[in-house]
Amino acid sequence: MAFVNAYEPDGPDEEETGWAPVATYGMVYEADFARATLESAGIPATVHGTEHVAIFGPGWMGPSHRGITVMVPRMWLEEAREVLGEDG
């Protein structure tokens, strides 16, 4: 998986939601795989940014020019980084 070191500034506000970005990917399927990996480890996760890749319709799993961000509750952030092998 290719990790994109970017965070969409107009994305979900982590202060308001209690969720924080753990990783951002260039392809939808990579973000979905990361979310599934986290959930299988018992860590709640969600994917944000897929609304920007709907040029080919819902369900598009290809690249995004803005990145697809995987979010986890702040209390799970360090463990999520370990599970995904991200340095933060």
PDB file of N, CA and C in Angstrom:
ATOM      1  N   MET A   1       0.831  -1.185   0.000  1.00  0.00           N
ATOM      2  CA  MET A   1       0.000   0.000   0.000  1.00  0.00           C
ATOM      3  C   MET A   1       0.871   1.242   0.000  1.00  0.00           C
ATOM      4  N   ALA A   2       0.464   2.220  -0.758  1.00  0.00           N
ATOM      5  CA  ALA A   2       1.197   3.475  -0.803  1.00  0.00           C
ATOM      6  C   ALA A   2       0.590   4.452   0.193  1.00  0.00           C
ATOM      7  N   PHE A   3       1.389   4.909   1.122  1.00  0.00           N
ATOM      8  CA  PHE A   3       0.923   5.860   2.123  1.00  0.00           C
ATOM      9  C   PHE A   3       1.141   7.268   1.590  1.00  0.00           C
ATOM     10  N   VAL A   4       0.110   8.082   1.621  1.00  0.00           N
ATOM     11  CA  VAL A   4       0.197   9.472   1.214  1.00  0.00           C
ATOM     12  C   VAL A   4       0.263  10.310   2.479  1.00  0.00           C
ATOM     13  N   ASN A   5       1.316  11.073   2.632  1.00  0.00           N
ATOM     14  CA  ASN A   5       1.487  11.878   3.834  1.00  0.00           C
ATOM     15  C   ASN A   5       0.792  13.220   3.651  1.00  0.00           C
ATOM     16  N   ALA A   6      -0.524  13.178   3.729  1.00  0.00           N
ATOM     17  CA  ALA A   6      -1.315  14.404   3.568  1.00  0.00           C
ATOM     18  C   ALA A   6      -2.583  14.262   4.390  1.00  0.00           C
ATOM     19  N   TYR A   7      -3.091  15.386   4.864  1.00  0.00           N
ATOM     20  CA  TYR A   7      -4.355  15.383   5.585  1.00  0.00           C
ATOM     21  C   TYR A   7      -5.187  16.523   5.052  1.00  0.00           C
ATOM     22  N   GLU A   8      -6.363  16.213   4.616  1.00  0.00           N
ATOM     23  CA  GLU A   8      -7.241  17.204   4.022  1.00  0.00           C
ATOM     24  C   GLU A   8      -7.688  18.218   5.075  1.00  0.00           C
ATOM     25  N   PRO A   9      -7.282  19.481   4.973  1.00  0.00           N
ATOM     26  CA  PRO A   9      -7.595  20.456   6.013  1.00  0.00           C
ATOM     27  C   PRO A   9      -9.081  20.744   6.158  1.00  0.00           C
ATOM     28  N   ASP A  10      -9.863  20.535   5.097  1.00  0.00           N
ATOM     29  CA  ASP A  10     -11.296  20.793   5.205  1.00  0.00           C
ATOM     30  C   ASP A  10     -12.073  19.523   5.530  1.00  0.00           C
ATOM     31  N   GLY A  11     -11.375  18.497   5.992  1.00  0.00           N
ATOM     32  CA  GLY A  11     -12.001  17.240   6.367  1.00  0.00           C
ATOM     33  C   GLY A  11     -12.634  17.326   7.741  1.00  0.00           C
ATOM     34  N   PRO A  12     -13.019  16.188   8.282  1.00  0.00           N
ATOM     35  CA  PRO A  12     -13.670  16.177   9.597  1.00  0.00           C
ATOM     36  C   PRO A  12     -12.803  16.809  10.672  1.00  0.00           C
ATOM     37  N   ASP A  13     -13.396  17.620  11.513  1.00  0.00           N
ATOM     38  CA  ASP A  13     -12.673  18.291  12.588  1.00  0.00           C
ATOM     39  C   ASP A  13     -12.499  17.330  13.751  1.00  0.00           C
ATOM     40  N   GLU A  14     -11.273  16.897  13.975  1.00  0.00           N
ATOM     41  CA  GLU A  14     -11.010  15.906  15.017  1.00  0.00           C
ATOM     42  C   GLU A  14     -11.324  16.416  16.413  1.00  0.00           C
ATOM     43  N   GLU A  15     -11.256  17.740  16.626  1.00  0.00           N
ATOM     44  CA  GLU A  15     -11.600  18.281  17.937  1.00  0.00           C
ATOM     45  C   GLU A  15     -13.091  18.133  18.224  1.00  0.00           C
ATOM     46  N   GLU A  16     -13.918  18.296  17.203  1.00  0.00           N
ATOM     47  CA  GLU A  16     -15.356  18.196  17.380  1.00  0.00           C
ATOM     48  C   GLU A  16     -15.832  16.749  17.458  1.00  0.00           C
ATOM     49  N   THR A  17     -15.204  15.864  16.717  1.00  0.00           N
ATOM     50  CA  THR A  17     -15.693  14.498  16.616  1.00  0.00           C
ATOM     51  C   THR A  17     -15.047  13.541  17.603  1.00  0.00           C
ATOM     52  N   GLY A  18     -13.862  13.875  18.124  1.00  0.00           N
ATOM     53  CA  GLY A  18     -13.138  12.946  18.976  1.00  0.00           C
ATOM     54  C   GLY A  18     -12.390  11.910  18.163  1.00  0.00           C
ATOM     55  N   TRP A  19     -12.387  12.067  16.839  1.00  0.00           N
ATOM     56  CA  TRP A  19     -11.689  11.157  15.938  1.00  0.00           C
ATOM     57  C   TRP A  19     -10.464  11.869  15.383  1.00  0.00           C
ATOM     58  N   ALA A  20      -9.428  11.105  15.087  1.00  0.00           N
ATOM     59  CA  ALA A  20      -8.196  11.674  14.558  1.00  0.00           C
ATOM     60  C   ALA A  20      -7.751  10.876  13.337  1.00  0.00           C
ATOM     61  N   PRO A  21      -7.074  11.537  12.393  1.00  0.00           N
ATOM     62  CA  PRO A  21      -6.573  10.815  11.220  1.00  0.00           C
ATOM     63  C   PRO A  21      -5.399   9.925  11.609  1.00  0.00           C
ATOM     64  N   VAL A  22      -5.446   8.683  11.167  1.00  0.00           N
ATOM     65  CA  VAL A  22      -4.334   7.770  11.443  1.00  0.00           C
ATOM     66  C   VAL A  22      -3.485   7.575  10.188  1.00  0.00           C
ATOM     67  N   ALA A  23      -4.091   7.669   9.011  1.00  0.00           N
ATOM     68  CA  ALA A  23      -3.352   7.521   7.760  1.00  0.00           C
ATOM     69  C   ALA A  23      -4.201   8.036   6.613  1.00  0.00           C
ATOM     70  N   THR A  24      -3.538   8.455   5.555  1.00  0.00           N
ATOM     71  CA  THR A  24      -4.214   8.881   4.339  1.00  0.00           C
ATOM     72  C   THR A  24      -3.604   8.126   3.171  1.00  0.00           C
ATOM     73  N   TYR A  25      -4.453   7.606   2.311  1.00  0.00           N
ATOM     74  CA  TYR A  25      -4.028   6.790   1.175  1.00  0.00           C
ATOM     75  C   TYR A  25      -4.457   7.425  -0.128  1.00  0.00           C
ATOM     76  N   GLY A  26      -3.807   7.041  -1.213  1.00  0.00           N
ATOM     77  CA  GLY A  26      -4.129   7.563  -2.528  1.00  0.00           C
ATOM     78  C   GLY A  26      -5.220   6.792  -3.241  1.00  0.00           C
ATOM     79  N   MET A  27      -5.516   5.578  -2.791  1.00  0.00           N
ATOM     80  CA  MET A  27      -6.520   4.739  -3.442  1.00  0.00           C
ATOM     81  C   MET A  27      -7.588   4.350  -2.422  1.00  0.00           C
ATOM     82  N   VAL A  28      -8.834   4.336  -2.878  1.00  0.00           N
ATOM     83  CA  VAL A  28      -9.944   3.993  -1.989  1.00  0.00           C
ATOM     84  C   VAL A  28      -9.775   2.599  -1.409  1.00  0.00           C
ATOM     85  N   TYR A  29      -9.398   1.635  -2.241  1.00  0.00           N
ATOM     86  CA  TYR A  29      -9.284   0.261  -1.742  1.00  0.00           C
ATOM     87  C   TYR A  29      -8.213   0.137  -0.661  1.00  0.00           C
ATOM     88  N   GLU A  30      -7.150   0.960  -0.733  1.00  0.00           N
ATOM     89  CA  GLU A  30      -6.121   0.920   0.302  1.00  0.00           C
ATOM     90  C   GLU A  30      -6.685   1.393   1.641  1.00  0.00           C
ATOM     91  N   ALA A  31      -7.462   2.473   1.604  1.00  0.00           N
ATOM     92  CA  ALA A  31      -8.073   2.990   2.832  1.00  0.00           C
ATOM     93  C   ALA A  31      -9.076   1.992   3.391  1.00  0.00           C
ATOM     94  N   ASP A  32      -9.858   1.367   2.510  1.00  0.00           N
ATOM     95  CA  ASP A  32     -10.818   0.358   2.969  1.00  0.00           C
ATOM     96  C   ASP A  32     -10.110  -0.843   3.587  1.00  0.00           C
ATOM     97  N   PHE A  33      -8.978  -1.233   3.014  1.00  0.00           N
ATOM     98  CA  PHE A  33      -8.201  -2.339   3.566  1.00  0.00           C
ATOM     99  C   PHE A  33      -7.658  -1.969   4.951  1.00  0.00           C
ATOM    100  N   ALA A  34      -7.164  -0.731   5.099  1.00  0.00           N
ATOM    101  CA  ALA A  34      -6.655  -0.268   6.395  1.00  0.00           C
ATOM    102  C   ALA A  34      -7.782  -0.246   7.425  1.00  0.00           C
ATOM    103  N   ARG A  35      -8.954   0.255   7.036  1.00  0.00           N
ATOM    104  CA  ARG A  35     -10.110   0.273   7.949  1.00  0.00           C
ATOM    105  C   ARG A  35     -10.458  -1.141   8.387  1.00  0.00           C
ATOM    106  N   ALA A  36     -10.513  -2.069   7.450  1.00  0.00           N
ATOM    107  CA  ALA A  36     -10.843  -3.458   7.781  1.00  0.00           C
ATOM    108  C   ALA A  36      -9.781  -4.075   8.687  1.00  0.00           C
ATOM    109  N   THR A  37      -8.517  -3.745   8.460  1.00  0.00           N
ATOM    110  CA  THR A  37      -7.425  -4.242   9.295  1.00  0.00           C
ATOM    111  C   THR A  37      -7.583  -3.739  10.730  1.00  0.00           C
ATOM    112  N   LEU A  38      -7.898  -2.453  10.871  1.00  0.00           N
ATOM    113  CA  LEU A  38      -8.095  -1.878  12.200  1.00  0.00           C
ATOM    114  C   LEU A  38      -9.301  -2.505  12.890  1.00  0.00           C
ATOM    115  N   GLU A  39     -10.405  -2.641  12.169  1.00  0.00           N
ATOM    116  CA  GLU A  39     -11.604  -3.224  12.765  1.00  0.00           C
ATOM    117  C   GLU A  39     -11.374  -4.672  13.181  1.00  0.00           C
ATOM    118  N   SER A  40     -10.577  -5.413  12.411  1.00  0.00           N
ATOM    119  CA  SER A  40     -10.297  -6.805  12.782  1.00  0.00           C
ATOM    120  C   SER A  40      -9.434  -6.877  14.041  1.00  0.00           C
ATOM    121  N   ALA A  41      -8.708  -5.786  14.342  1.00  0.00           N
ATOM    122  CA  ALA A  41      -7.909  -5.702  15.566  1.00  0.00           C
ATOM    123  C   ALA A  41      -8.725  -5.127  16.721  1.00  0.00           C
ATOM    124  N   GLY A  42     -10.012  -4.866  16.472  1.00  0.00           N
ATOM    125  CA  GLY A  42     -10.878  -4.350  17.525  1.00  0.00           C
ATOM    126  C   GLY A  42     -10.853  -2.833  17.675  1.00  0.00           C
ATOM    127  N   ILE A  43     -10.305  -2.141  16.678  1.00  0.00           N
ATOM    128  CA  ILE A  43     -10.206  -0.682  16.723  1.00  0.00           C
ATOM    129  C   ILE A  43     -11.277  -0.092  15.806  1.00  0.00           C
ATOM    130  N   PRO A  44     -12.168   0.749  16.347  1.00  0.00           N
ATOM    131  CA  PRO A  44     -13.173   1.387  15.496  1.00  0.00           C
ATOM    132  C   PRO A  44     -12.482   2.306  14.479  1.00  0.00           C
ATOM    133  N   ALA A  45     -12.946   2.281  13.244  1.00  0.00           N
ATOM    134  CA  ALA A  45     -12.339   3.112  12.202  1.00  0.00           C
ATOM    135  C   ALA A  45     -13.386   3.509  11.176  1.00  0.00           C
ATOM    136  N   THR A  46     -13.124   4.625  10.525  1.00  0.00           N
ATOM    137  CA  THR A  46     -13.994   5.092   9.460  1.00  0.00           C
ATOM    138  C   THR A  46     -13.132   5.714   8.367  1.00  0.00           C
ATOM    139  N   VAL A  47     -13.689   5.791   7.165  1.00  0.00           N
ATOM    140  CA  VAL A  47     -12.968   6.331   6.018  1.00  0.00           C
ATOM    141  C   VAL A  47     -13.647   7.621   5.572  1.00  0.00           C
ATOM    142  N   HIS A  48     -12.850   8.664   5.368  1.00  0.00           N
ATOM    143  CA  HIS A  48     -13.368   9.951   4.892  1.00  0.00           C
ATOM    144  C   HIS A  48     -12.654  10.343   3.611  1.00  0.00           C
ATOM    145  N   GLY A  49     -13.367  10.990   2.719  1.00  0.00           N
ATOM    146  CA  GLY A  49     -12.778  11.488   1.489  1.00  0.00           C
ATOM    147  C   GLY A  49     -13.229  10.766   0.252  1.00  0.00           C
ATOM    148  N   THR A  50     -14.056   9.754   0.412  1.00  0.00           N
ATOM    149  CA  THR A  50     -14.508   9.005  -0.766  1.00  0.00           C
ATOM    150  C   THR A  50     -15.496   9.791  -1.611  1.00  0.00           C
ATOM    151  N   GLU A  51     -16.078  10.848  -1.058  1.00  0.00           N
ATOM    152  CA  GLU A  51     -17.011  11.655  -1.836  1.00  0.00           C
ATOM    153  C   GLU A  51     -16.314  12.377  -2.981  1.00  0.00           C
ATOM    154  N   HIS A  52     -14.993  12.471  -2.937  1.00  0.00           N
ATOM    155  CA  HIS A  52     -14.239  13.169  -3.973  1.00  0.00           C
ATOM    156  C   HIS A  52     -13.825  12.255  -5.117  1.00  0.00           C
ATOM    157  N   VAL A  53     -14.127  10.977  -5.041  1.00  0.00           N
ATOM    158  CA  VAL A  53     -13.703  10.048  -6.085  1.00  0.00           C
ATOM    159  C   VAL A  53     -14.884   9.500  -6.866  1.00  0.00           C
ATOM    160  N   ALA A  54     -16.015  10.138  -6.767  1.00  0.00           N
ATOM    161  CA  ALA A  54     -17.228   9.629  -7.406  1.00  0.00           C
ATOM    162  C   ALA A  54     -17.344  10.004  -8.874  1.00  0.00           C
ATOM    163  N   ILE A  55     -16.244  10.393  -9.508  1.00  0.00           N
ATOM    164  CA  ILE A  55     -16.290  10.758 -10.913  1.00  0.00           C
ATOM    165  C   ILE A  55     -16.804   9.599 -11.771  1.00  0.00           C
ATOM    166  N   PHE A  56     -16.523   8.379 -11.339  1.00  0.00           N
ATOM    167  CA  PHE A  56     -16.986   7.208 -12.075  1.00  0.00           C
ATOM    168  C   PHE A  56     -18.171   6.549 -11.380  1.00  0.00           C
ATOM    169  N   GLY A  57     -18.769   7.238 -10.445  1.00  0.00           N
ATOM    170  CA  GLY A  57     -19.951   6.719  -9.766  1.00  0.00           C
ATOM    171  C   GLY A  57     -19.634   6.098  -8.425  1.00  0.00           C
ATOM    172  N   PRO A  58     -20.672   5.850  -7.628  1.00  0.00           N
ATOM    173  CA  PRO A  58     -20.496   5.223  -6.317  1.00  0.00           C
ATOM    174  C   PRO A  58     -19.808   3.867  -6.456  1.00  0.00           C
ATOM    175  N   GLY A  59     -18.969   3.577  -5.515  1.00  0.00           N
ATOM    176  CA  GLY A  59     -18.274   2.295  -5.530  1.00  0.00           C
ATOM    177  C   GLY A  59     -16.921   2.351  -6.207  1.00  0.00           C
ATOM    178  N   TRP A  60     -16.541   3.500  -6.750  1.00  0.00           N
ATOM    179  CA  TRP A  60     -15.231   3.634  -7.388  1.00  0.00           C
ATOM    180  C   TRP A  60     -14.146   3.361  -6.366  1.00  0.00           C
ATOM    181  N   MET A  61     -13.227   2.486  -6.685  1.00  0.00           N
ATOM    182  CA  MET A  61     -12.178   2.085  -5.751  1.00  0.00           C
ATOM    183  C   MET A  61     -10.798   2.568  -6.188  1.00  0.00           C
ATOM    184  N   GLY A  62     -10.767   3.472  -7.150  1.00  0.00           N
ATOM    185  CA  GLY A  62      -9.497   3.913  -7.718  1.00  0.00           C
ATOM    186  C   GLY A  62      -8.849   5.065  -6.982  1.00  0.00           C
ATOM    187  N   PRO A  63      -7.976   5.774  -7.693  1.00  0.00           N
ATOM    188  CA  PRO A  63      -7.193   6.833  -7.076  1.00  0.00           C
ATOM    189  C   PRO A  63      -7.998   8.081  -6.743  1.00  0.00           C
ATOM    190  N   SER A  64      -7.486   8.815  -5.782  1.00  0.00           N
ATOM    191  CA  SER A  64      -8.066  10.093  -5.388  1.00  0.00           C
ATOM    192  C   SER A  64      -6.960  11.131  -5.404  1.00  0.00           C
ATOM    193  N   HIS A  65      -7.220  12.275  -5.994  1.00  0.00           N
ATOM    194  CA  HIS A  65      -6.206  13.330  -6.019  1.00  0.00           C
ATOM    195  C   HIS A  65      -6.125  14.050  -4.677  1.00  0.00           C
ATOM    196  N   ARG A  66      -7.111  13.879  -3.809  1.00  0.00           N
ATOM    197  CA  ARG A  66      -7.114  14.543  -2.502  1.00  0.00           C
ATOM    198  C   ARG A  66      -6.714  13.601  -1.368  1.00  0.00           C
ATOM    199  N   GLY A  67      -6.705  12.323  -1.602  1.00  0.00           N
ATOM    200  CA  GLY A  67      -6.379  11.358  -0.560  1.00  0.00           C
ATOM    201  C   GLY A  67      -7.614  10.891   0.195  1.00  0.00           C
ATOM    202  N   ILE A  68      -7.553   9.680   0.691  1.00  0.00           N
ATOM    203  CA  ILE A  68      -8.639   9.071   1.448  1.00  0.00           C
ATOM    204  C   ILE A  68      -8.113   8.861   2.868  1.00  0.00           C
ATOM    205  N   THR A  69      -8.747   9.502   3.846  1.00  0.00           N
ATOM    206  CA  THR A  69      -8.252   9.497   5.221  1.00  0.00           C
ATOM    207  C   THR A  69      -8.973   8.465   6.071  1.00  0.00           C
ATOM    208  N   VAL A  70      -8.193   7.664   6.793  1.00  0.00           N
ATOM    209  CA  VAL A  70      -8.731   6.713   7.756  1.00  0.00           C
ATOM    210  C   VAL A  70      -8.679   7.390   9.124  1.00  0.00           C
ATOM    211  N   MET A  71      -9.827   7.402   9.795  1.00  0.00           N
ATOM    212  CA  MET A  71      -9.953   8.066  11.102  1.00  0.00           C
ATOM    213  C   MET A  71     -10.247   7.026  12.176  1.00  0.00           C
ATOM    214  N   VAL A  72      -9.705   7.266  13.374  1.00  0.00           N
ATOM    215  CA  VAL A  72      -9.981   6.418  14.542  1.00  0.00           C
ATOM    216  C   VAL A  72     -10.258   7.323  15.738  1.00  0.00           C
ATOM    217  N   PRO A  73     -10.955   6.809  16.756  1.00  0.00           N
ATOM    218  CA  PRO A  73     -11.122   7.606  17.976  1.00  0.00           C
ATOM    219  C   PRO A  73      -9.740   7.947  18.548  1.00  0.00           C
ATOM    220  N   ARG A  74      -9.585   9.161  19.038  1.00  0.00           N
ATOM    221  CA  ARG A  74      -8.297   9.622  19.543  1.00  0.00           C
ATOM    222  C   ARG A  74      -7.670   8.646  20.535  1.00  0.00           C
ATOM    223  N   MET A  75      -8.508   8.035  21.380  1.00  0.00           N
ATOM    224  CA  MET A  75      -7.961   7.118  22.392  1.00  0.00           C
ATOM    225  C   MET A  75      -7.322   5.865  21.774  1.00  0.00           C
ATOM    226  N   TRP A  76      -7.620   5.557  20.514  1.00  0.00           N
ATOM    227  CA  TRP A  76      -7.075   4.384  19.832  1.00  0.00           C
ATOM    228  C   TRP A  76      -5.936   4.742  18.876  1.00  0.00           C
ATOM    229  N   LEU A  77      -5.548   6.002  18.791  1.00  0.00           N
ATOM    230  CA  LEU A  77      -4.626   6.458  17.764  1.00  0.00           C
ATOM    231  C   LEU A  77      -3.277   5.731  17.783  1.00  0.00           C
ATOM    232  N   GLU A  78      -2.639   5.650  18.924  1.00  0.00           N
ATOM    233  CA  GLU A  78      -1.317   5.006  18.990  1.00  0.00           C
ATOM    234  C   GLU A  78      -1.394   3.525  18.616  1.00  0.00           C
ATOM    235  N   GLU A  79      -2.396   2.834  19.141  1.00  0.00           N
ATOM    236  CA  GLU A  79      -2.545   1.412  18.809  1.00  0.00           C
ATOM    237  C   GLU A  79      -2.840   1.230  17.324  1.00  0.00           C
ATOM    238  N   ALA A  80      -3.646   2.127  16.761  1.00  0.00           N
ATOM    239  CA  ALA A  80      -3.961   2.053  15.330  1.00  0.00           C
ATOM    240  C   ALA A  80      -2.706   2.238  14.490  1.00  0.00           C
ATOM    241  N   ARG A  81      -1.844   3.166  14.887  1.00  0.00           N
ATOM    242  CA  ARG A  81      -0.595   3.366  14.164  1.00  0.00           C
ATOM    243  C   ARG A  81       0.285   2.122  14.210  1.00  0.00           C
ATOM    244  N   GLU A  82       0.319   1.473  15.365  1.00  0.00           N
ATOM    245  CA  GLU A  82       1.091   0.234  15.482  1.00  0.00           C
ATOM    246  C   GLU A  82       0.527  -0.853  14.572  1.00  0.00           C
ATOM    247  N   VAL A  83      -0.795  -1.009  14.567  1.00  0.00           N
ATOM    248  CA  VAL A  83      -1.442  -2.033  13.743  1.00  0.00           C
ATOM    249  C   VAL A  83      -1.146  -1.788  12.253  1.00  0.00           C
ATOM    250  N   LEU A  84      -1.202  -0.533  11.838  1.00  0.00           N
ATOM    251  CA  LEU A  84      -0.967  -0.212  10.426  1.00  0.00           C
ATOM    252  C   LEU A  84       0.510  -0.078  10.087  1.00  0.00           C
ATOM    253  N   GLY A  85       1.354  -0.034  11.119  1.00  0.00           N
ATOM    254  CA  GLY A  85       2.793   0.110  10.870  1.00  0.00           C
ATOM    255  C   GLY A  85       3.177   1.504  10.452  1.00  0.00           C
ATOM    256  N   GLU A  86       2.374   2.508  10.847  1.00  0.00           N
ATOM    257  CA  GLU A  86       2.664   3.904  10.516  1.00  0.00           C
ATOM    258  C   GLU A  86       3.461   4.529  11.656  1.00  0.00           C
ATOM    259  N   ASP A  87       4.369   5.405  11.292  1.00  0.00           N
ATOM    260  CA  ASP A  87       5.187   6.088  12.297  1.00  0.00           C
ATOM    261  C   ASP A  87       4.508   7.329  12.852  1.00  0.00           C
ATOM    262  N   GLY A  88       3.411   7.748  12.208  1.00  0.00           N
ATOM    263  CA  GLY A  88       2.719   8.949  12.659  1.00  0.00           C
ATOM    264  C   GLY A  88       3.298  10.122  12.003  1.00  0.00           C
TER     265      GLY A  88
END
